[in-house]
Amino acid sequence: MITEKPRIQFTPERLERAREILTHYPEGKQKSALLPLLHLIQEQEGWTSPEAMDYIADFLGIKPIEVYEVATFYTMYHLEPVGKHVIEYCRTGPCMIMGGEEVYAHLKKKIGADDGETSPDNLFTIKPVECLAACGWGPCFQIREKYYTHLTIEKVDEIIDELKK
């Protein structure tokens, strides 16, 4: 027996939010809502799958390739499944000079994943980024919208242990 995979669509609450987002754009320019709608579907699904991108294309009345081009250009969209917490860490000079190399090596060991990987418990995905614009507070990483600054090995342990609860 062949069963079709359920089609991805916004939950009723997110559909309401998506429609509200569209009101911020002039008539005929709703395509400009692509970025916030991609964020909305990723927030719901946990990542931006090809099916999710197709849904957004249908929702906006545009070609799927237009959505794929945008989603693959920006690193903030996860094109593969990720852990519950995506840890984006700064790998640029200022953070490294302030001890980032040692801190990030410890982080990777603690969660059991390397760059671009997800921990065995599916709680964490680690993602190096070029800069978090917090050069004076490094080393740092970001989880969702929250910045963690002046990181030490001890601070990393506290943060990860708290997120595991």
C-alpha atoms as a PDB file:
ATOM      1  CA  MET A   1       0.000   0.000   0.000  1.00  0.00           C
ATOM      2  CA  ILE A   2       1.424   3.359  -1.023  1.00  0.00           C
ATOM      3  CA  THR A   3       0.640   6.249   1.260  1.00  0.00           C
ATOM      4  CA  GLU A   4       1.348   9.839   0.424  1.00  0.00           C
ATOM      5  CA  LYS A   5       3.461  11.866   2.772  1.00  0.00           C
ATOM      6  CA  PRO A   6       1.349  14.621   4.369  1.00  0.00           C
ATOM      7  CA  ARG A   7       1.826  17.917   2.561  1.00  0.00           C
ATOM      8  CA  ILE A   8       3.608  20.577   4.563  1.00  0.00           C
ATOM      9  CA  GLN A   9       1.496  23.597   5.350  1.00  0.00           C
ATOM     10  CA  PHE A  10       1.325  26.295   7.981  1.00  0.00           C
ATOM     11  CA  THR A  11      -0.464  25.481  11.211  1.00  0.00           C
ATOM     12  CA  PRO A  12      -3.603  27.615  11.660  1.00  0.00           C
ATOM     13  CA  GLU A  13      -1.702  29.993  13.978  1.00  0.00           C
ATOM     14  CA  ARG A  14       1.207  30.359  11.582  1.00  0.00           C
ATOM     15  CA  LEU A  15      -1.136  30.753   8.617  1.00  0.00           C
ATOM     16  CA  GLU A  16      -2.711  33.689  10.426  1.00  0.00           C
ATOM     17  CA  ARG A  17       0.769  35.127  11.079  1.00  0.00           C
ATOM     18  CA  ALA A  18       1.769  34.572   7.412  1.00  0.00           C
ATOM     19  CA  ARG A  19      -1.306  36.454   6.223  1.00  0.00           C
ATOM     20  CA  GLU A  20      -0.488  39.258   8.652  1.00  0.00           C
ATOM     21  CA  ILE A  21       3.080  39.408   7.287  1.00  0.00           C
ATOM     22  CA  LEU A  22       1.706  39.830   3.762  1.00  0.00           C
ATOM     23  CA  THR A  23      -0.185  42.966   4.853  1.00  0.00           C
ATOM     24  CA  HIS A  24       3.158  44.733   5.314  1.00  0.00           C
ATOM     25  CA  TYR A  25       3.867  44.594   1.578  1.00  0.00           C
ATOM     26  CA  PRO A  26       2.169  46.549  -1.212  1.00  0.00           C
ATOM     27  CA  GLU A  27      -0.292  44.794  -3.498  1.00  0.00           C
ATOM     28  CA  GLY A  28       1.619  42.878  -6.154  1.00  0.00           C
ATOM     29  CA  LYS A  29       4.835  42.921  -4.101  1.00  0.00           C
ATOM     30  CA  GLN A  30       4.055  40.044  -1.731  1.00  0.00           C
ATOM     31  CA  LYS A  31       7.093  38.173  -3.060  1.00  0.00           C
ATOM     32  CA  SER A  32       9.056  40.532  -0.812  1.00  0.00           C
ATOM     33  CA  ALA A  33       7.675  38.553   2.150  1.00  0.00           C
ATOM     34  CA  LEU A  34       9.762  35.545   1.126  1.00  0.00           C
ATOM     35  CA  LEU A  35      12.401  35.885   3.869  1.00  0.00           C
ATOM     36  CA  PRO A  36       9.999  36.176   6.822  1.00  0.00           C
ATOM     37  CA  LEU A  37       7.835  33.371   5.428  1.00  0.00           C
ATOM     38  CA  LEU A  38      10.877  31.104   5.115  1.00  0.00           C
ATOM     39  CA  HIS A  39      11.692  31.907   8.747  1.00  0.00           C
ATOM     40  CA  LEU A  40       8.121  31.102   9.732  1.00  0.00           C
ATOM     41  CA  ILE A  41       8.063  27.693   8.029  1.00  0.00           C
ATOM     42  CA  GLN A  42      11.538  26.845   9.348  1.00  0.00           C
ATOM     43  CA  GLU A  43      10.429  27.787  12.856  1.00  0.00           C
ATOM     44  CA  GLN A  44       7.486  25.403  12.459  1.00  0.00           C
ATOM     45  CA  GLU A  45       9.257  22.492  10.764  1.00  0.00           C
ATOM     46  CA  GLY A  46      12.705  22.836  12.355  1.00  0.00           C
ATOM     47  CA  TRP A  47      14.407  23.152   8.961  1.00  0.00           C
ATOM     48  CA  THR A  48      13.683  24.330   5.419  1.00  0.00           C
ATOM     49  CA  SER A  49      12.994  21.210   3.392  1.00  0.00           C
ATOM     50  CA  PRO A  50      12.347  21.151  -0.368  1.00  0.00           C
ATOM     51  CA  GLU A  51       8.683  20.460   0.466  1.00  0.00           C
ATOM     52  CA  ALA A  52       8.585  23.526   2.722  1.00  0.00           C
ATOM     53  CA  MET A  53      10.122  25.660  -0.029  1.00  0.00           C
ATOM     54  CA  ASP A  54       7.534  24.356  -2.523  1.00  0.00           C
ATOM     55  CA  TYR A  55       4.771  25.255  -0.072  1.00  0.00           C
ATOM     56  CA  ILE A  56       6.097  28.806   0.297  1.00  0.00           C
ATOM     57  CA  ALA A  57       6.313  29.120  -3.498  1.00  0.00           C
ATOM     58  CA  ASP A  58       2.663  28.044  -3.799  1.00  0.00           C
ATOM     59  CA  PHE A  59       1.676  30.358  -0.952  1.00  0.00           C
ATOM     60  CA  LEU A  60       3.284  33.349  -2.679  1.00  0.00           C
ATOM     61  CA  GLY A  61       2.325  32.304  -6.208  1.00  0.00           C
ATOM     62  CA  ILE A  62       5.934  32.229  -7.399  1.00  0.00           C
ATOM     63  CA  LYS A  63       8.139  29.582  -8.980  1.00  0.00           C
ATOM     64  CA  PRO A  64       9.854  27.131  -6.598  1.00  0.00           C
ATOM     65  CA  ILE A  65      13.261  28.049  -8.067  1.00  0.00           C
ATOM     66  CA  GLU A  66      12.761  31.610  -6.796  1.00  0.00           C
ATOM     67  CA  VAL A  67      12.422  30.252  -3.261  1.00  0.00           C
ATOM     68  CA  TYR A  68      15.331  27.804  -3.662  1.00  0.00           C
ATOM     69  CA  GLU A  69      17.635  30.599  -4.851  1.00  0.00           C
ATOM     70  CA  VAL A  70      16.950  32.643  -1.731  1.00  0.00           C
ATOM     71  CA  ALA A  71      16.986  29.749   0.750  1.00  0.00           C
ATOM     72  CA  THR A  72      20.298  28.422  -0.559  1.00  0.00           C
ATOM     73  CA  PHE A  73      21.908  31.874  -0.608  1.00  0.00           C
ATOM     74  CA  TYR A  74      21.375  32.682   3.070  1.00  0.00           C
ATOM     75  CA  THR A  75      23.094  30.590   5.740  1.00  0.00           C
ATOM     76  CA  MET A  76      20.299  31.234   8.255  1.00  0.00           C
ATOM     77  CA  TYR A  77      18.075  28.678   6.553  1.00  0.00           C
ATOM     78  CA  HIS A  78      18.768  25.077   7.506  1.00  0.00           C
ATOM     79  CA  LEU A  79      18.532  22.942   4.377  1.00  0.00           C
ATOM     80  CA  GLU A  80      19.013  19.720   6.322  1.00  0.00           C
ATOM     81  CA  PRO A  81      17.481  18.586   9.613  1.00  0.00           C
ATOM     82  CA  VAL A  82      19.162  20.150  12.640  1.00  0.00           C
ATOM     83  CA  GLY A  83      19.166  19.615  16.385  1.00  0.00           C
ATOM     84  CA  LYS A  84      16.825  21.365  18.783  1.00  0.00           C
ATOM     85  CA  HIS A  85      19.506  24.003  19.463  1.00  0.00           C
ATOM     86  CA  VAL A  86      21.647  25.342  16.614  1.00  0.00           C
ATOM     87  CA  ILE A  87      24.860  26.773  18.027  1.00  0.00           C
ATOM     88  CA  GLU A  88      26.431  29.315  15.691  1.00  0.00           C
ATOM     89  CA  TYR A  89      29.928  30.121  16.835  1.00  0.00           C
ATOM     90  CA  CYS A  90      32.206  32.891  15.622  1.00  0.00           C
ATOM     91  CA  ARG A  91      35.396  31.633  14.042  1.00  0.00           C
ATOM     92  CA  THR A  92      37.023  34.961  13.178  1.00  0.00           C
ATOM     93  CA  GLY A  93      40.247  36.451  14.492  1.00  0.00           C
ATOM     94  CA  PRO A  94      39.008  38.505  17.446  1.00  0.00           C
ATOM     95  CA  CYS A  95      37.182  35.544  19.018  1.00  0.00           C
ATOM     96  CA  MET A  96      40.101  33.213  18.360  1.00  0.00           C
ATOM     97  CA  ILE A  97      42.583  35.644  19.929  1.00  0.00           C
ATOM     98  CA  MET A  98      40.395  35.743  23.051  1.00  0.00           C
ATOM     99  CA  GLY A  99      40.508  31.957  23.490  1.00  0.00           C
ATOM    100  CA  GLY A 100      37.831  30.836  21.069  1.00  0.00           C
ATOM    101  CA  GLU A 101      39.833  27.974  19.614  1.00  0.00           C
ATOM    102  CA  GLU A 102      40.100  26.207  22.976  1.00  0.00           C
ATOM    103  CA  VAL A 103      36.504  27.038  23.943  1.00  0.00           C
ATOM    104  CA  TYR A 104      35.048  25.766  20.653  1.00  0.00           C
ATOM    105  CA  ALA A 105      37.145  22.585  20.759  1.00  0.00           C
ATOM    106  CA  HIS A 106      35.678  21.931  24.205  1.00  0.00           C
ATOM    107  CA  LEU A 107      32.150  22.713  22.973  1.00  0.00           C
ATOM    108  CA  LYS A 108      32.470  20.198  20.126  1.00  0.00           C
ATOM    109  CA  LYS A 109      33.784  17.531  22.492  1.00  0.00           C
ATOM    110  CA  LYS A 110      31.041  18.210  25.061  1.00  0.00           C
ATOM    111  CA  ILE A 111      28.166  17.869  22.590  1.00  0.00           C
ATOM    112  CA  GLY A 112      29.805  15.107  20.547  1.00  0.00           C
ATOM    113  CA  ALA A 113      29.601  16.836  17.183  1.00  0.00           C
ATOM    114  CA  ASP A 114      31.912  18.674  14.832  1.00  0.00           C
ATOM    115  CA  ASP A 115      31.237  21.618  12.518  1.00  0.00           C
ATOM    116  CA  GLY A 116      28.031  21.103  10.569  1.00  0.00           C
ATOM    117  CA  GLU A 117      27.075  18.009  12.558  1.00  0.00           C
ATOM    118  CA  THR A 118      24.268  17.224  14.967  1.00  0.00           C
ATOM    119  CA  SER A 119      24.904  15.635  18.355  1.00  0.00           C
ATOM    120  CA  PRO A 120      23.931  11.967  18.796  1.00  0.00           C
ATOM    121  CA  ASP A 121      21.021  13.014  21.063  1.00  0.00           C
ATOM    122  CA  ASN A 122      19.727  15.409  18.344  1.00  0.00           C
ATOM    123  CA  LEU A 123      19.824  18.311  20.794  1.00  0.00           C
ATOM    124  CA  PHE A 124      22.625  20.350  19.229  1.00  0.00           C
ATOM    125  CA  THR A 125      23.870  21.259  15.774  1.00  0.00           C
ATOM    126  CA  ILE A 126      27.117  23.185  15.597  1.00  0.00           C
ATOM    127  CA  LYS A 127      27.597  25.732  12.861  1.00  0.00           C
ATOM    128  CA  PRO A 128      30.653  27.960  12.422  1.00  0.00           C
ATOM    129  CA  VAL A 129      29.907  31.476  11.170  1.00  0.00           C
ATOM    130  CA  GLU A 130      32.151  34.266   9.997  1.00  0.00           C
ATOM    131  CA  CYS A 131      31.170  36.930  12.500  1.00  0.00           C
ATOM    132  CA  LEU A 132      28.480  37.592  15.068  1.00  0.00           C
ATOM    133  CA  ALA A 133      29.379  41.294  15.329  1.00  0.00           C
ATOM    134  CA  ALA A 134      30.294  40.938  19.006  1.00  0.00           C
ATOM    135  CA  CYS A 135      34.052  41.276  18.609  1.00  0.00           C
ATOM    136  CA  GLY A 136      34.540  43.020  21.946  1.00  0.00           C
ATOM    137  CA  TRP A 137      32.764  40.246  23.840  1.00  0.00           C
ATOM    138  CA  GLY A 138      34.359  37.128  22.391  1.00  0.00           C
ATOM    139  CA  PRO A 139      34.601  34.346  22.263  1.00  0.00           C
ATOM    140  CA  CYS A 140      30.885  34.042  21.632  1.00  0.00           C
ATOM    141  CA  PHE A 141      28.162  31.946  20.115  1.00  0.00           C
ATOM    142  CA  GLN A 142      24.515  32.425  19.335  1.00  0.00           C
ATOM    143  CA  ILE A 143      21.552  30.102  19.858  1.00  0.00           C
ATOM    144  CA  ARG A 144      18.443  31.451  18.150  1.00  0.00           C
ATOM    145  CA  GLU A 145      18.423  35.161  18.970  1.00  0.00           C
ATOM    146  CA  LYS A 146      20.416  34.847  22.196  1.00  0.00           C
ATOM    147  CA  TYR A 147      24.112  35.692  22.321  1.00  0.00           C
ATOM    148  CA  TYR A 148      26.451  34.016  24.810  1.00  0.00           C
ATOM    149  CA  THR A 149      29.575  36.121  25.286  1.00  0.00           C
ATOM    150  CA  HIS A 150      32.905  36.070  27.130  1.00  0.00           C
ATOM    151  CA  LEU A 151      32.789  32.277  26.864  1.00  0.00           C
ATOM    152  CA  THR A 152      35.030  30.056  28.930  1.00  0.00           C
ATOM    153  CA  ILE A 153      35.101  26.281  29.163  1.00  0.00           C
ATOM    154  CA  GLU A 154      33.188  26.519  32.445  1.00  0.00           C
ATOM    155  CA  LYS A 155      30.547  28.803  30.920  1.00  0.00           C
ATOM    156  CA  VAL A 156      30.105  26.441  27.970  1.00  0.00           C
ATOM    157  CA  ASP A 157      29.557  23.543  30.386  1.00  0.00           C
ATOM    158  CA  GLU A 158      26.909  25.525  32.286  1.00  0.00           C
ATOM    159  CA  ILE A 159      25.099  26.594  29.109  1.00  0.00           C
ATOM    160  CA  ILE A 160      25.047  23.134  27.541  1.00  0.00           C
ATOM    161  CA  ASP A 161      24.022  21.448  30.804  1.00  0.00           C
ATOM    162  CA  GLU A 162      21.154  23.929  31.197  1.00  0.00           C
ATOM    163  CA  LEU A 163      19.970  23.382  27.607  1.00  0.00           C
ATOM    164  CA  LYS A 164      19.971  19.619  28.139  1.00  0.00           C
ATOM    165  CA  LYS A 165      17.352  19.941  30.909  1.00  0.00           C
END
